[in-house]
Amino acid sequence: MGTTKTNPLSQEPSSGDAIRSSSDTGRKQSLVVIMKKILLATVAIVAFSAPSFAAEKGKTVGQAPPSFYLAQDSATMKCQIVETQPVAGGSMKVIGTAHPTKASAETALKADKTCAK
């Protein structure tokens, strides 16, 4: 007389199954909470550490390194050091190649023979 068996195709659990399913639900909910906390902590760590991996010290990111050019005025034949490359067809023309530092551009300016002094 003790336990009643239910039809296996029925959706109704027996009395022992009801106790087991409520404790399983509690475990599942606590696992979900723990997993959410782990996910949140992981996202926070990645969000705060990503910028440190993106930028290296001493390098500019997303920009070309500065260049210095010797530019000669077509009318006066005088030269000067500029940081932007003169446009083609303008009154200034580039003499030589781009220089990585202003000091190297100044050295090239002193050595250049085509510039009027």
PDB file of N, CA and C in Angstrom:
ATOM      1  N   MET A   1       0.782  -1.184   0.000  1.00  0.00           N
ATOM      2  CA  MET A   1       0.000   0.000   0.000  1.00  0.00           C
ATOM      3  C   MET A   1       0.837   1.266   0.000  1.00  0.00           C
ATOM      4  N   GLY A   2       1.995   1.359   0.237  1.00  0.00           N
ATOM      5  CA  GLY A   2       2.779   2.552   0.477  1.00  0.00           C
ATOM      6  C   GLY A   2       2.865   3.520  -0.689  1.00  0.00           C
ATOM      7  N   THR A   3       3.555   3.149  -1.741  1.00  0.00           N
ATOM      8  CA  THR A   3       3.787   4.108  -2.819  1.00  0.00           C
ATOM      9  C   THR A   3       2.900   3.786  -3.990  1.00  0.00           C
ATOM     10  N   THR A   4       2.515   4.845  -4.665  1.00  0.00           N
ATOM     11  CA  THR A   4       1.719   4.658  -5.870  1.00  0.00           C
ATOM     12  C   THR A   4       2.611   4.937  -7.060  1.00  0.00           C
ATOM     13  N   LYS A   5       2.488   4.114  -8.007  1.00  0.00           N
ATOM     14  CA  LYS A   5       3.275   4.309  -9.218  1.00  0.00           C
ATOM     15  C   LYS A   5       2.433   5.067 -10.221  1.00  0.00           C
ATOM     16  N   THR A   6       3.120   5.924 -10.969  1.00  0.00           N
ATOM     17  CA  THR A   6       2.415   6.691 -11.987  1.00  0.00           C
ATOM     18  C   THR A   6       2.782   6.147 -13.355  1.00  0.00           C
ATOM     19  N   ASN A   7       2.000   6.508 -14.283  1.00  0.00           N
ATOM     20  CA  ASN A   7       2.246   6.124 -15.659  1.00  0.00           C
ATOM     21  C   ASN A   7       3.517   6.825 -16.126  1.00  0.00           C
ATOM     22  N   PRO A   8       4.494   6.139 -16.719  1.00  0.00           N
ATOM     23  CA  PRO A   8       5.721   6.791 -17.172  1.00  0.00           C
ATOM     24  C   PRO A   8       5.468   7.875 -18.219  1.00  0.00           C
ATOM     25  N   LEU A   9       4.368   7.806 -18.925  1.00  0.00           N
ATOM     26  CA  LEU A   9       4.055   8.810 -19.931  1.00  0.00           C
ATOM     27  C   LEU A   9       3.353  10.016 -19.330  1.00  0.00           C
ATOM     28  N   SER A  10       2.988   9.936 -18.080  1.00  0.00           N
ATOM     29  CA  SER A  10       2.280  11.022 -17.420  1.00  0.00           C
ATOM     30  C   SER A  10       3.274  12.115 -17.033  1.00  0.00           C
ATOM     31  N   GLN A  11       2.796  13.346 -16.946  1.00  0.00           N
ATOM     32  CA  GLN A  11       3.623  14.478 -16.570  1.00  0.00           C
ATOM     33  C   GLN A  11       3.654  14.690 -15.065  1.00  0.00           C
ATOM     34  N   GLU A  12       2.869  13.958 -14.303  1.00  0.00           N
ATOM     35  CA  GLU A  12       2.791  14.158 -12.867  1.00  0.00           C
ATOM     36  C   GLU A  12       3.858  13.331 -12.164  1.00  0.00           C
ATOM     37  N   PRO A  13       4.742  13.959 -11.356  1.00  0.00           N
ATOM     38  CA  PRO A  13       5.755  13.192 -10.639  1.00  0.00           C
ATOM     39  C   PRO A  13       5.154  12.510  -9.412  1.00  0.00           C
ATOM     40  N   SER A  14       5.797  11.448  -8.969  1.00  0.00           N
ATOM     41  CA  SER A  14       5.362  10.809  -7.730  1.00  0.00           C
ATOM     42  C   SER A  14       5.811  11.674  -6.569  1.00  0.00           C
ATOM     43  N   SER A  15       5.431  11.377  -5.335  1.00  0.00           N
ATOM     44  CA  SER A  15       5.756  12.224  -4.193  1.00  0.00           C
ATOM     45  C   SER A  15       7.257  12.302  -3.971  1.00  0.00           C
ATOM     46  N   GLY A  16       8.028  11.261  -4.187  1.00  0.00           N
ATOM     47  CA  GLY A  16       9.481  11.287  -4.038  1.00  0.00           C
ATOM     48  C   GLY A  16      10.139  12.144  -5.099  1.00  0.00           C
ATOM     49  N   ASP A  17       9.586  12.142  -6.286  1.00  0.00           N
ATOM     50  CA  ASP A  17      10.129  12.957  -7.374  1.00  0.00           C
ATOM     51  C   ASP A  17       9.930  14.447  -7.116  1.00  0.00           C
ATOM     52  N   ALA A  18       8.850  14.810  -6.424  1.00  0.00           N
ATOM     53  CA  ALA A  18       8.584  16.224  -6.152  1.00  0.00           C
ATOM     54  C   ALA A  18       9.645  16.795  -5.229  1.00  0.00           C
ATOM     55  N   ILE A  19      10.075  16.026  -4.234  1.00  0.00           N
ATOM     56  CA  ILE A  19      11.106  16.496  -3.319  1.00  0.00           C
ATOM     57  C   ILE A  19      12.430  16.607  -4.053  1.00  0.00           C
ATOM     58  N   ARG A  20      12.753  15.606  -4.846  1.00  0.00           N
ATOM     59  CA  ARG A  20      14.001  15.605  -5.584  1.00  0.00           C
ATOM     60  C   ARG A  20      14.039  16.748  -6.601  1.00  0.00           C
ATOM     61  N   SER A  21      12.952  17.017  -7.283  1.00  0.00           N
ATOM     62  CA  SER A  21      12.959  18.065  -8.303  1.00  0.00           C
ATOM     63  C   SER A  21      13.078  19.453  -7.681  1.00  0.00           C
ATOM     64  N   SER A  22      12.536  19.672  -6.491  1.00  0.00           N
ATOM     65  CA  SER A  22      12.672  20.998  -5.869  1.00  0.00           C
ATOM     66  C   SER A  22      14.107  21.230  -5.422  1.00  0.00           C
ATOM     67  N   SER A  23      14.809  20.200  -4.943  1.00  0.00           N
ATOM     68  CA  SER A  23      16.204  20.392  -4.567  1.00  0.00           C
ATOM     69  C   SER A  23      17.080  20.528  -5.810  1.00  0.00           C
ATOM     70  N   ASP A  24      16.750  19.835  -6.888  1.00  0.00           N
ATOM     71  CA  ASP A  24      17.484  19.997  -8.145  1.00  0.00           C
ATOM     72  C   ASP A  24      17.310  21.421  -8.690  1.00  0.00           C
ATOM     73  N   THR A  25      16.126  21.964  -8.555  1.00  0.00           N
ATOM     74  CA  THR A  25      15.867  23.325  -9.027  1.00  0.00           C
ATOM     75  C   THR A  25      16.695  24.322  -8.231  1.00  0.00           C
ATOM     76  N   GLY A  26      16.802  24.116  -6.923  1.00  0.00           N
ATOM     77  CA  GLY A  26      17.618  24.995  -6.089  1.00  0.00           C
ATOM     78  C   GLY A  26      19.080  24.932  -6.468  1.00  0.00           C
ATOM     79  N   ARG A  27      19.578  23.733  -6.749  1.00  0.00           N
ATOM     80  CA  ARG A  27      20.971  23.581  -7.175  1.00  0.00           C
ATOM     81  C   ARG A  27      21.205  24.248  -8.516  1.00  0.00           C
ATOM     82  N   LYS A  28      20.278  24.075  -9.418  1.00  0.00           N
ATOM     83  CA  LYS A  28      20.421  24.675 -10.749  1.00  0.00           C
ATOM     84  C   LYS A  28      20.430  26.195 -10.649  1.00  0.00           C
ATOM     85  N   GLN A  29      19.562  26.738  -9.794  1.00  0.00           N
ATOM     86  CA  GLN A  29      19.528  28.191  -9.641  1.00  0.00           C
ATOM     87  C   GLN A  29      20.824  28.712  -9.031  1.00  0.00           C
ATOM     88  N   SER A  30      21.372  27.997  -8.049  1.00  0.00           N
ATOM     89  CA  SER A  30      22.626  28.455  -7.451  1.00  0.00           C
ATOM     90  C   SER A  30      23.774  28.322  -8.444  1.00  0.00           C
ATOM     91  N   LEU A  31      23.760  27.290  -9.274  1.00  0.00           N
ATOM     92  CA  LEU A  31      24.796  27.160 -10.306  1.00  0.00           C
ATOM     93  C   LEU A  31      24.691  28.291 -11.322  1.00  0.00           C
ATOM     94  N   VAL A  32      23.483  28.676 -11.667  1.00  0.00           N
ATOM     95  CA  VAL A  32      23.282  29.771 -12.609  1.00  0.00           C
ATOM     96  C   VAL A  32      23.819  31.070 -12.013  1.00  0.00           C
ATOM     97  N   VAL A  33      23.561  31.302 -10.736  1.00  0.00           N
ATOM     98  CA  VAL A  33      24.052  32.510 -10.072  1.00  0.00           C
ATOM     99  C   VAL A  33      25.577  32.513 -10.053  1.00  0.00           C
ATOM    100  N   ILE A  34      26.194  31.391  -9.717  1.00  0.00           N
ATOM    101  CA  ILE A  34      27.652  31.283  -9.688  1.00  0.00           C
ATOM    102  C   ILE A  34      28.236  31.508 -11.082  1.00  0.00           C
ATOM    103  N   MET A  35      27.618  30.914 -12.098  1.00  0.00           N
ATOM    104  CA  MET A  35      28.114  31.072 -13.465  1.00  0.00           C
ATOM    105  C   MET A  35      27.995  32.537 -13.921  1.00  0.00           C
ATOM    106  N   LYS A  36      26.914  33.204 -13.521  1.00  0.00           N
ATOM    107  CA  LYS A  36      26.761  34.618 -13.876  1.00  0.00           C
ATOM    108  C   LYS A  36      27.849  35.457 -13.222  1.00  0.00           C
ATOM    109  N   LYS A  37      28.181  35.163 -11.971  1.00  0.00           N
ATOM    110  CA  LYS A  37      29.236  35.908 -11.277  1.00  0.00           C
ATOM    111  C   LYS A  37      30.590  35.674 -11.931  1.00  0.00           C
ATOM    112  N   ILE A  38      30.869  34.431 -12.315  1.00  0.00           N
ATOM    113  CA  ILE A  38      32.134  34.125 -12.993  1.00  0.00           C
ATOM    114  C   ILE A  38      32.202  34.847 -14.335  1.00  0.00           C
ATOM    115  N   LEU A  39      31.108  34.839 -15.075  1.00  0.00           N
ATOM    116  CA  LEU A  39      31.068  35.522 -16.366  1.00  0.00           C
ATOM    117  C   LEU A  39      31.265  37.026 -16.195  1.00  0.00           C
ATOM    118  N   LEU A  40      30.615  37.610 -15.207  1.00  0.00           N
ATOM    119  CA  LEU A  40      30.757  39.038 -14.958  1.00  0.00           C
ATOM    120  C   LEU A  40      32.186  39.388 -14.566  1.00  0.00           C
ATOM    121  N   ALA A  41      32.811  38.575 -13.720  1.00  0.00           N
ATOM    122  CA  ALA A  41      34.196  38.815 -13.324  1.00  0.00           C
ATOM    123  C   ALA A  41      35.137  38.698 -14.523  1.00  0.00           C
ATOM    124  N   THR A  42      34.905  37.727 -15.392  1.00  0.00           N
ATOM    125  CA  THR A  42      35.735  37.540 -16.583  1.00  0.00           C
ATOM    126  C   THR A  42      35.612  38.738 -17.522  1.00  0.00           C
ATOM    127  N   VAL A  43      34.396  39.206 -17.730  1.00  0.00           N
ATOM    128  CA  VAL A  43      34.182  40.365 -18.605  1.00  0.00           C
ATOM    129  C   VAL A  43      34.873  41.595 -18.025  1.00  0.00           C
ATOM    130  N   ALA A  44      34.783  41.779 -16.712  1.00  0.00           N
ATOM    131  CA  ALA A  44      35.432  42.937 -16.082  1.00  0.00           C
ATOM    132  C   ALA A  44      36.952  42.869 -16.229  1.00  0.00           C
ATOM    133  N   ILE A  45      37.527  41.706 -16.043  1.00  0.00           N
ATOM    134  CA  ILE A  45      38.979  41.548 -16.173  1.00  0.00           C
ATOM    135  C   ILE A  45      39.419  41.841 -17.604  1.00  0.00           C
ATOM    136  N   VAL A  46      38.703  41.312 -18.570  1.00  0.00           N
ATOM    137  CA  VAL A  46      39.058  41.541 -19.975  1.00  0.00           C
ATOM    138  C   VAL A  46      38.898  43.015 -20.336  1.00  0.00           C
ATOM    139  N   ALA A  47      37.827  43.640 -19.846  1.00  0.00           N
ATOM    140  CA  ALA A  47      37.585  45.045 -20.177  1.00  0.00           C
ATOM    141  C   ALA A  47      38.674  45.955 -19.622  1.00  0.00           C
ATOM    142  N   PHE A  48      39.155  45.669 -18.425  1.00  0.00           N
ATOM    143  CA  PHE A  48      40.172  46.523 -17.827  1.00  0.00           C
ATOM    144  C   PHE A  48      41.585  46.207 -18.320  1.00  0.00           C
ATOM    145  N   SER A  49      41.817  44.998 -18.782  1.00  0.00           N
ATOM    146  CA  SER A  49      43.168  44.645 -19.216  1.00  0.00           C
ATOM    147  C   SER A  49      43.385  44.857 -20.711  1.00  0.00           C
ATOM    148  N   ALA A  50      42.356  44.929 -21.497  1.00  0.00           N
ATOM    149  CA  ALA A  50      42.489  45.076 -22.947  1.00  0.00           C
ATOM    150  C   ALA A  50      43.256  46.334 -23.354  1.00  0.00           C
ATOM    151  N   PRO A  51      42.996  47.498 -22.769  1.00  0.00           N
ATOM    152  CA  PRO A  51      43.763  48.679 -23.184  1.00  0.00           C
ATOM    153  C   PRO A  51      45.256  48.561 -22.928  1.00  0.00           C
ATOM    154  N   SER A  52      45.653  47.837 -21.906  1.00  0.00           N
ATOM    155  CA  SER A  52      47.085  47.716 -21.637  1.00  0.00           C
ATOM    156  C   SER A  52      47.777  46.847 -22.684  1.00  0.00           C
ATOM    157  N   PHE A  53      47.045  45.939 -23.286  1.00  0.00           N
ATOM    158  CA  PHE A  53      47.630  45.128 -24.347  1.00  0.00           C
ATOM    159  C   PHE A  53      47.643  45.877 -25.677  1.00  0.00           C
ATOM    160  N   ALA A  54      46.739  46.809 -25.853  1.00  0.00           N
ATOM    161  CA  ALA A  54      46.607  47.501 -27.132  1.00  0.00           C
ATOM    162  C   ALA A  54      47.731  48.495 -27.381  1.00  0.00           C
ATOM    163  N   ALA A  55      48.128  49.239 -26.384  1.00  0.00           N
ATOM    164  CA  ALA A  55      49.123  50.296 -26.587  1.00  0.00           C
ATOM    165  C   ALA A  55      50.473  49.875 -26.026  1.00  0.00           C
ATOM    166  N   GLU A  56      51.482  50.033 -26.849  1.00  0.00           N
ATOM    167  CA  GLU A  56      52.841  49.785 -26.397  1.00  0.00           C
ATOM    168  C   GLU A  56      53.479  51.118 -26.090  1.00  0.00           C
ATOM    169  N   LYS A  57      54.320  51.140 -25.084  1.00  0.00           N
ATOM    170  CA  LYS A  57      54.966  52.400 -24.704  1.00  0.00           C
ATOM    171  C   LYS A  57      55.956  52.829 -25.783  1.00  0.00           C
ATOM    172  N   GLY A  58      55.949  54.112 -26.037  1.00  0.00           N
ATOM    173  CA  GLY A  58      56.896  54.664 -26.990  1.00  0.00           C
ATOM    174  C   GLY A  58      56.439  54.597 -28.436  1.00  0.00           C
ATOM    175  N   LYS A  59      55.298  54.001 -28.688  1.00  0.00           N
ATOM    176  CA  LYS A  59      54.805  53.913 -30.058  1.00  0.00           C
ATOM    177  C   LYS A  59      53.455  54.612 -30.138  1.00  0.00           C
ATOM    178  N   THR A  60      53.250  55.311 -31.228  1.00  0.00           N
ATOM    179  CA  THR A  60      51.945  55.889 -31.457  1.00  0.00           C
ATOM    180  C   THR A  60      51.121  54.875 -32.223  1.00  0.00           C
ATOM    181  N   VAL A  61      49.888  54.717 -31.823  1.00  0.00           N
ATOM    182  CA  VAL A  61      49.028  53.720 -32.440  1.00  0.00           C
ATOM    183  C   VAL A  61      48.071  54.432 -33.383  1.00  0.00           C
ATOM    184  N   GLY A  62      48.007  53.978 -34.608  1.00  0.00           N
ATOM    185  CA  GLY A  62      47.074  54.527 -35.567  1.00  0.00           C
ATOM    186  C   GLY A  62      47.550  55.797 -36.257  1.00  0.00           C
ATOM    187  N   GLN A  63      48.765  56.209 -36.015  1.00  0.00           N
ATOM    188  CA  GLN A  63      49.285  57.405 -36.655  1.00  0.00           C
ATOM    189  C   GLN A  63      50.635  57.095 -37.280  1.00  0.00           C
ATOM    190  N   ALA A  64      50.904  57.773 -38.382  1.00  0.00           N
ATOM    191  CA  ALA A  64      52.207  57.616 -39.023  1.00  0.00           C
ATOM    192  C   ALA A  64      53.254  58.341 -38.193  1.00  0.00           C
ATOM    193  N   PRO A  65      54.470  57.844 -38.174  1.00  0.00           N
ATOM    194  CA  PRO A  65      55.518  58.550 -37.433  1.00  0.00           C
ATOM    195  C   PRO A  65      55.776  59.913 -38.070  1.00  0.00           C
ATOM    196  N   PRO A  66      56.185  60.878 -37.289  1.00  0.00           N
ATOM    197  CA  PRO A  66      56.400  62.217 -37.850  1.00  0.00           C
ATOM    198  C   PRO A  66      57.525  62.200 -38.877  1.00  0.00           C
ATOM    199  N   SER A  67      57.328  62.940 -39.950  1.00  0.00           N
ATOM    200  CA  SER A  67      58.340  63.059 -41.002  1.00  0.00           C
ATOM    201  C   SER A  67      58.636  64.530 -41.230  1.00  0.00           C
ATOM    202  N   PHE A  68      59.863  64.798 -41.602  1.00  0.00           N
ATOM    203  CA  PHE A  68      60.288  66.158 -41.895  1.00  0.00           C
ATOM    204  C   PHE A  68      60.802  66.190 -43.326  1.00  0.00           C
ATOM    205  N   TYR A  69      60.424  67.234 -44.036  1.00  0.00           N
ATOM    206  CA  TYR A  69      60.784  67.366 -45.444  1.00  0.00           C
ATOM    207  C   TYR A  69      61.559  68.657 -45.662  1.00  0.00           C
ATOM    208  N   LEU A  70      62.470  68.619 -46.641  1.00  0.00           N
ATOM    209  CA  LEU A  70      63.099  69.842 -47.123  1.00  0.00           C
ATOM    210  C   LEU A  70      62.223  70.332 -48.270  1.00  0.00           C
ATOM    211  N   ALA A  71      61.714  71.532 -48.136  1.00  0.00           N
ATOM    212  CA  ALA A  71      60.847  72.094 -49.168  1.00  0.00           C
ATOM    213  C   ALA A  71      61.509  73.350 -49.724  1.00  0.00           C
ATOM    214  N   GLN A  72      61.533  73.437 -51.045  1.00  0.00           N
ATOM    215  CA  GLN A  72      62.167  74.582 -51.712  1.00  0.00           C
ATOM    216  C   GLN A  72      61.094  75.410 -52.404  1.00  0.00           C
ATOM    217  N   ASP A  73      61.122  76.712 -52.143  1.00  0.00           N
ATOM    218  CA  ASP A  73      60.210  77.642 -52.803  1.00  0.00           C
ATOM    219  C   ASP A  73      60.699  77.828 -54.238  1.00  0.00           C
ATOM    220  N   SER A  74      59.829  77.595 -55.208  1.00  0.00           N
ATOM    221  CA  SER A  74      60.219  77.668 -56.625  1.00  0.00           C
ATOM    222  C   SER A  74      60.620  79.082 -57.038  1.00  0.00           C
ATOM    223  N   ALA A  75      60.038  80.093 -56.439  1.00  0.00           N
ATOM    224  CA  ALA A  75      60.329  81.480 -56.836  1.00  0.00           C
ATOM    225  C   ALA A  75      61.644  81.976 -56.251  1.00  0.00           C
ATOM    226  N   THR A  76      61.883  81.761 -54.968  1.00  0.00           N
ATOM    227  CA  THR A  76      63.075  82.313 -54.309  1.00  0.00           C
ATOM    228  C   THR A  76      64.212  81.316 -54.194  1.00  0.00           C
ATOM    229  N   MET A  77      63.944  80.038 -54.447  1.00  0.00           N
ATOM    230  CA  MET A  77      64.922  78.946 -54.349  1.00  0.00           C
ATOM    231  C   MET A  77      65.417  78.741 -52.908  1.00  0.00           C
ATOM    232  N   LYS A  78      64.726  79.328 -51.926  1.00  0.00           N
ATOM    233  CA  LYS A  78      65.098  79.119 -50.526  1.00  0.00           C
ATOM    234  C   LYS A  78      64.424  77.851 -50.015  1.00  0.00           C
ATOM    235  N   CYS A  79      65.130  77.168 -49.111  1.00  0.00           N
ATOM    236  CA  CYS A  79      64.617  75.919 -48.555  1.00  0.00           C
ATOM    237  C   CYS A  79      64.244  76.096 -47.088  1.00  0.00           C
ATOM    238  N   GLN A  80      63.305  75.294 -46.674  1.00  0.00           N
ATOM    239  CA  GLN A  80      62.919  75.269 -45.270  1.00  0.00           C
ATOM    240  C   GLN A  80      62.482  73.860 -44.893  1.00  0.00           C
ATOM    241  N   ILE A  81      62.459  73.594 -43.607  1.00  0.00           N
ATOM    242  CA  ILE A  81      62.029  72.280 -43.115  1.00  0.00           C
ATOM    243  C   ILE A  81      60.551  72.370 -42.771  1.00  0.00           C
ATOM    244  N   VAL A  82      59.769  71.450 -43.331  1.00  0.00           N
ATOM    245  CA  VAL A  82      58.325  71.398 -43.053  1.00  0.00           C
ATOM    246  C   VAL A  82      57.961  70.003 -42.566  1.00  0.00           C
ATOM    247  N   GLU A  83      56.852  69.918 -41.815  1.00  0.00           N
ATOM    248  CA  GLU A  83      56.411  68.627 -41.280  1.00  0.00           C
ATOM    249  C   GLU A  83      55.386  67.946 -42.172  1.00  0.00           C
ATOM    250  N   THR A  84      54.764  68.673 -43.067  1.00  0.00           N
ATOM    251  CA  THR A  84      53.806  68.063 -43.993  1.00  0.00           C
ATOM    252  C   THR A  84      54.375  68.134 -45.399  1.00  0.00           C
ATOM    253  N   GLN A  85      54.152  67.094 -46.157  1.00  0.00           N
ATOM    254  CA  GLN A  85      54.701  67.035 -47.508  1.00  0.00           C
ATOM    255  C   GLN A  85      53.966  68.039 -48.392  1.00  0.00           C
ATOM    256  N   PRO A  86      54.696  68.904 -49.084  1.00  0.00           N
ATOM    257  CA  PRO A  86      54.055  69.871 -49.981  1.00  0.00           C
ATOM    258  C   PRO A  86      53.285  69.154 -51.095  1.00  0.00           C
ATOM    259  N   VAL A  87      52.185  69.763 -51.509  1.00  0.00           N
ATOM    260  CA  VAL A  87      51.364  69.159 -52.553  1.00  0.00           C
ATOM    261  C   VAL A  87      52.022  69.365 -53.916  1.00  0.00           C
ATOM    262  N   ALA A  88      51.776  68.425 -54.788  1.00  0.00           N
ATOM    263  CA  ALA A  88      52.336  68.507 -56.142  1.00  0.00           C
ATOM    264  C   ALA A  88      51.682  69.670 -56.889  1.00  0.00           C
ATOM    265  N   GLY A  89      52.483  70.394 -57.648  1.00  0.00           N
ATOM    266  CA  GLY A  89      51.963  71.508 -58.438  1.00  0.00           C
ATOM    267  C   GLY A  89      51.905  72.821 -57.679  1.00  0.00           C
ATOM    268  N   GLY A  90      52.283  72.835 -56.423  1.00  0.00           N
ATOM    269  CA  GLY A  90      52.267  74.062 -55.627  1.00  0.00           C
ATOM    270  C   GLY A  90      53.563  74.838 -55.817  1.00  0.00           C
ATOM    271  N   SER A  91      53.717  75.895 -55.045  1.00  0.00           N
ATOM    272  CA  SER A  91      54.914  76.724 -55.168  1.00  0.00           C
ATOM    273  C   SER A  91      56.116  76.109 -54.450  1.00  0.00           C
ATOM    274  N   MET A  92      55.901  75.089 -53.626  1.00  0.00           N
ATOM    275  CA  MET A  92      56.977  74.424 -52.898  1.00  0.00           C
ATOM    276  C   MET A  92      57.170  73.024 -53.477  1.00  0.00           C
ATOM    277  N   LYS A  93      58.441  72.603 -53.575  1.00  0.00           N
ATOM    278  CA  LYS A  93      58.720  71.244 -54.030  1.00  0.00           C
ATOM    279  C   LYS A  93      59.632  70.562 -53.014  1.00  0.00           C
ATOM    280  N   VAL A  94      59.504  69.264 -52.903  1.00  0.00           N
ATOM    281  CA  VAL A  94      60.285  68.480 -51.949  1.00  0.00           C
ATOM    282  C   VAL A  94      61.675  68.242 -52.511  1.00  0.00           C
ATOM    283  N   ILE A  95      62.677  68.428 -51.671  1.00  0.00           N
ATOM    284  CA  ILE A  95      64.065  68.147 -52.033  1.00  0.00           C
ATOM    285  C   ILE A  95      64.476  66.887 -51.275  1.00  0.00           C
ATOM    286  N   GLY A  96      64.812  65.845 -51.975  1.00  0.00           N
ATOM    287  CA  GLY A  96      65.246  64.599 -51.340  1.00  0.00           C
ATOM    288  C   GLY A  96      64.076  63.785 -50.792  1.00  0.00           C
ATOM    289  N   THR A  97      64.389  63.007 -49.757  1.00  0.00           N
ATOM    290  CA  THR A  97      63.384  62.130 -49.156  1.00  0.00           C
ATOM    291  C   THR A  97      62.972  62.659 -47.784  1.00  0.00           C
ATOM    292  N   ALA A  98      61.978  62.024 -47.198  1.00  0.00           N
ATOM    293  CA  ALA A  98      61.521  62.403 -45.861  1.00  0.00           C
ATOM    294  C   ALA A  98      62.568  62.000 -44.827  1.00  0.00           C
ATOM    295  N   HIS A  99      62.667  62.789 -43.775  1.00  0.00           N
ATOM    296  CA  HIS A  99      63.623  62.525 -42.697  1.00  0.00           C
ATOM    297  C   HIS A  99      62.844  62.181 -41.424  1.00  0.00           C
ATOM    298  N   PRO A 100      63.317  61.186 -40.657  1.00  0.00           N
ATOM    299  CA  PRO A 100      62.565  60.774 -39.466  1.00  0.00           C
ATOM    300  C   PRO A 100      62.663  61.769 -38.306  1.00  0.00           C
ATOM    301  N   THR A 101      63.732  62.537 -38.241  1.00  0.00           N
ATOM    302  CA  THR A 101      63.890  63.504 -37.154  1.00  0.00           C
ATOM    303  C   THR A 101      64.207  64.876 -37.727  1.00  0.00           C
ATOM    304  N   LYS A 102      63.940  65.884 -36.917  1.00  0.00           N
ATOM    305  CA  LYS A 102      64.223  67.250 -37.360  1.00  0.00           C
ATOM    306  C   LYS A 102      65.733  67.469 -37.460  1.00  0.00           C
ATOM    307  N   ALA A 103      66.496  66.827 -36.584  1.00  0.00           N
ATOM    308  CA  ALA A 103      67.955  66.969 -36.618  1.00  0.00           C
ATOM    309  C   ALA A 103      68.523  66.438 -37.930  1.00  0.00           C
ATOM    310  N   SER A 104      68.019  65.305 -38.398  1.00  0.00           N
ATOM    311  CA  SER A 104      68.525  64.771 -39.674  1.00  0.00           C
ATOM    312  C   SER A 104      68.102  65.659 -40.839  1.00  0.00           C
ATOM    313  N   ALA A 105      66.922  66.284 -40.742  1.00  0.00           N
ATOM    314  CA  ALA A 105      66.495  67.210 -41.796  1.00  0.00           C
ATOM    315  C   ALA A 105      67.370  68.461 -41.796  1.00  0.00           C
ATOM    316  N   GLU A 106      67.757  68.948 -40.602  1.00  0.00           N
ATOM    317  CA  GLU A 106      68.641  70.113 -40.531  1.00  0.00           C
ATOM    318  C   GLU A 106      70.021  69.805 -41.100  1.00  0.00           C
ATOM    319  N   THR A 107      70.514  68.612 -40.845  1.00  0.00           N
ATOM    320  CA  THR A 107      71.806  68.203 -41.402  1.00  0.00           C
ATOM    321  C   THR A 107      71.731  68.155 -42.922  1.00  0.00           C
ATOM    322  N   ALA A 108      70.633  67.620 -43.448  1.00  0.00           N
ATOM    323  CA  ALA A 108      70.466  67.542 -44.903  1.00  0.00           C
ATOM    324  C   ALA A 108      70.322  68.945 -45.505  1.00  0.00           C
ATOM    325  N   LEU A 109      69.671  69.845 -44.780  1.00  0.00           N
ATOM    326  CA  LEU A 109      69.514  71.215 -45.262  1.00  0.00           C
ATOM    327  C   LEU A 109      70.867  71.920 -45.376  1.00  0.00           C
ATOM    328  N   LYS A 110      71.713  71.712 -44.391  1.00  0.00           N
ATOM    329  CA  LYS A 110      73.053  72.322 -44.412  1.00  0.00           C
ATOM    330  C   LYS A 110      73.912  71.747 -45.541  1.00  0.00           C
ATOM    331  N   ALA A 111      73.722  70.468 -45.836  1.00  0.00           N
ATOM    332  CA  ALA A 111      74.538  69.804 -46.855  1.00  0.00           C
ATOM    333  C   ALA A 111      74.012  70.029 -48.276  1.00  0.00           C
ATOM    334  N   ASP A 112      72.768  70.439 -48.414  1.00  0.00           N
ATOM    335  CA  ASP A 112      72.165  70.583 -49.745  1.00  0.00           C
ATOM    336  C   ASP A 112      72.749  71.789 -50.478  1.00  0.00           C
ATOM    337  N   LYS A 113      73.096  71.607 -51.750  1.00  0.00           N
ATOM    338  CA  LYS A 113      73.736  72.666 -52.539  1.00  0.00           C
ATOM    339  C   LYS A 113      72.722  73.425 -53.400  1.00  0.00           C
ATOM    340  N   THR A 114      71.518  72.895 -53.581  1.00  0.00           N
ATOM    341  CA  THR A 114      70.544  73.551 -54.457  1.00  0.00           C
ATOM    342  C   THR A 114      69.775  74.656 -53.748  1.00  0.00           C
ATOM    343  N   CYS A 115      69.817  74.686 -52.428  1.00  0.00           N
ATOM    344  CA  CYS A 115      69.085  75.703 -51.675  1.00  0.00           C
ATOM    345  C   CYS A 115      69.883  77.000 -51.621  1.00  0.00           C
ATOM    346  N   ALA A 116      69.166  78.149 -51.836  1.00  0.00           N
ATOM    347  CA  ALA A 116      69.798  79.464 -51.742  1.00  0.00           C
ATOM    348  C   ALA A 116      70.004  79.791 -50.269  1.00  0.00           C
ATOM    349  N   LYS A 117      71.138  80.367 -49.981  1.00  0.00           N
ATOM    350  CA  LYS A 117      71.449  80.662 -48.565  1.00  0.00           C
ATOM    351  C   LYS A 117      71.194  82.113 -48.259  1.00  0.00           C
TER     352      LYS A 117
END
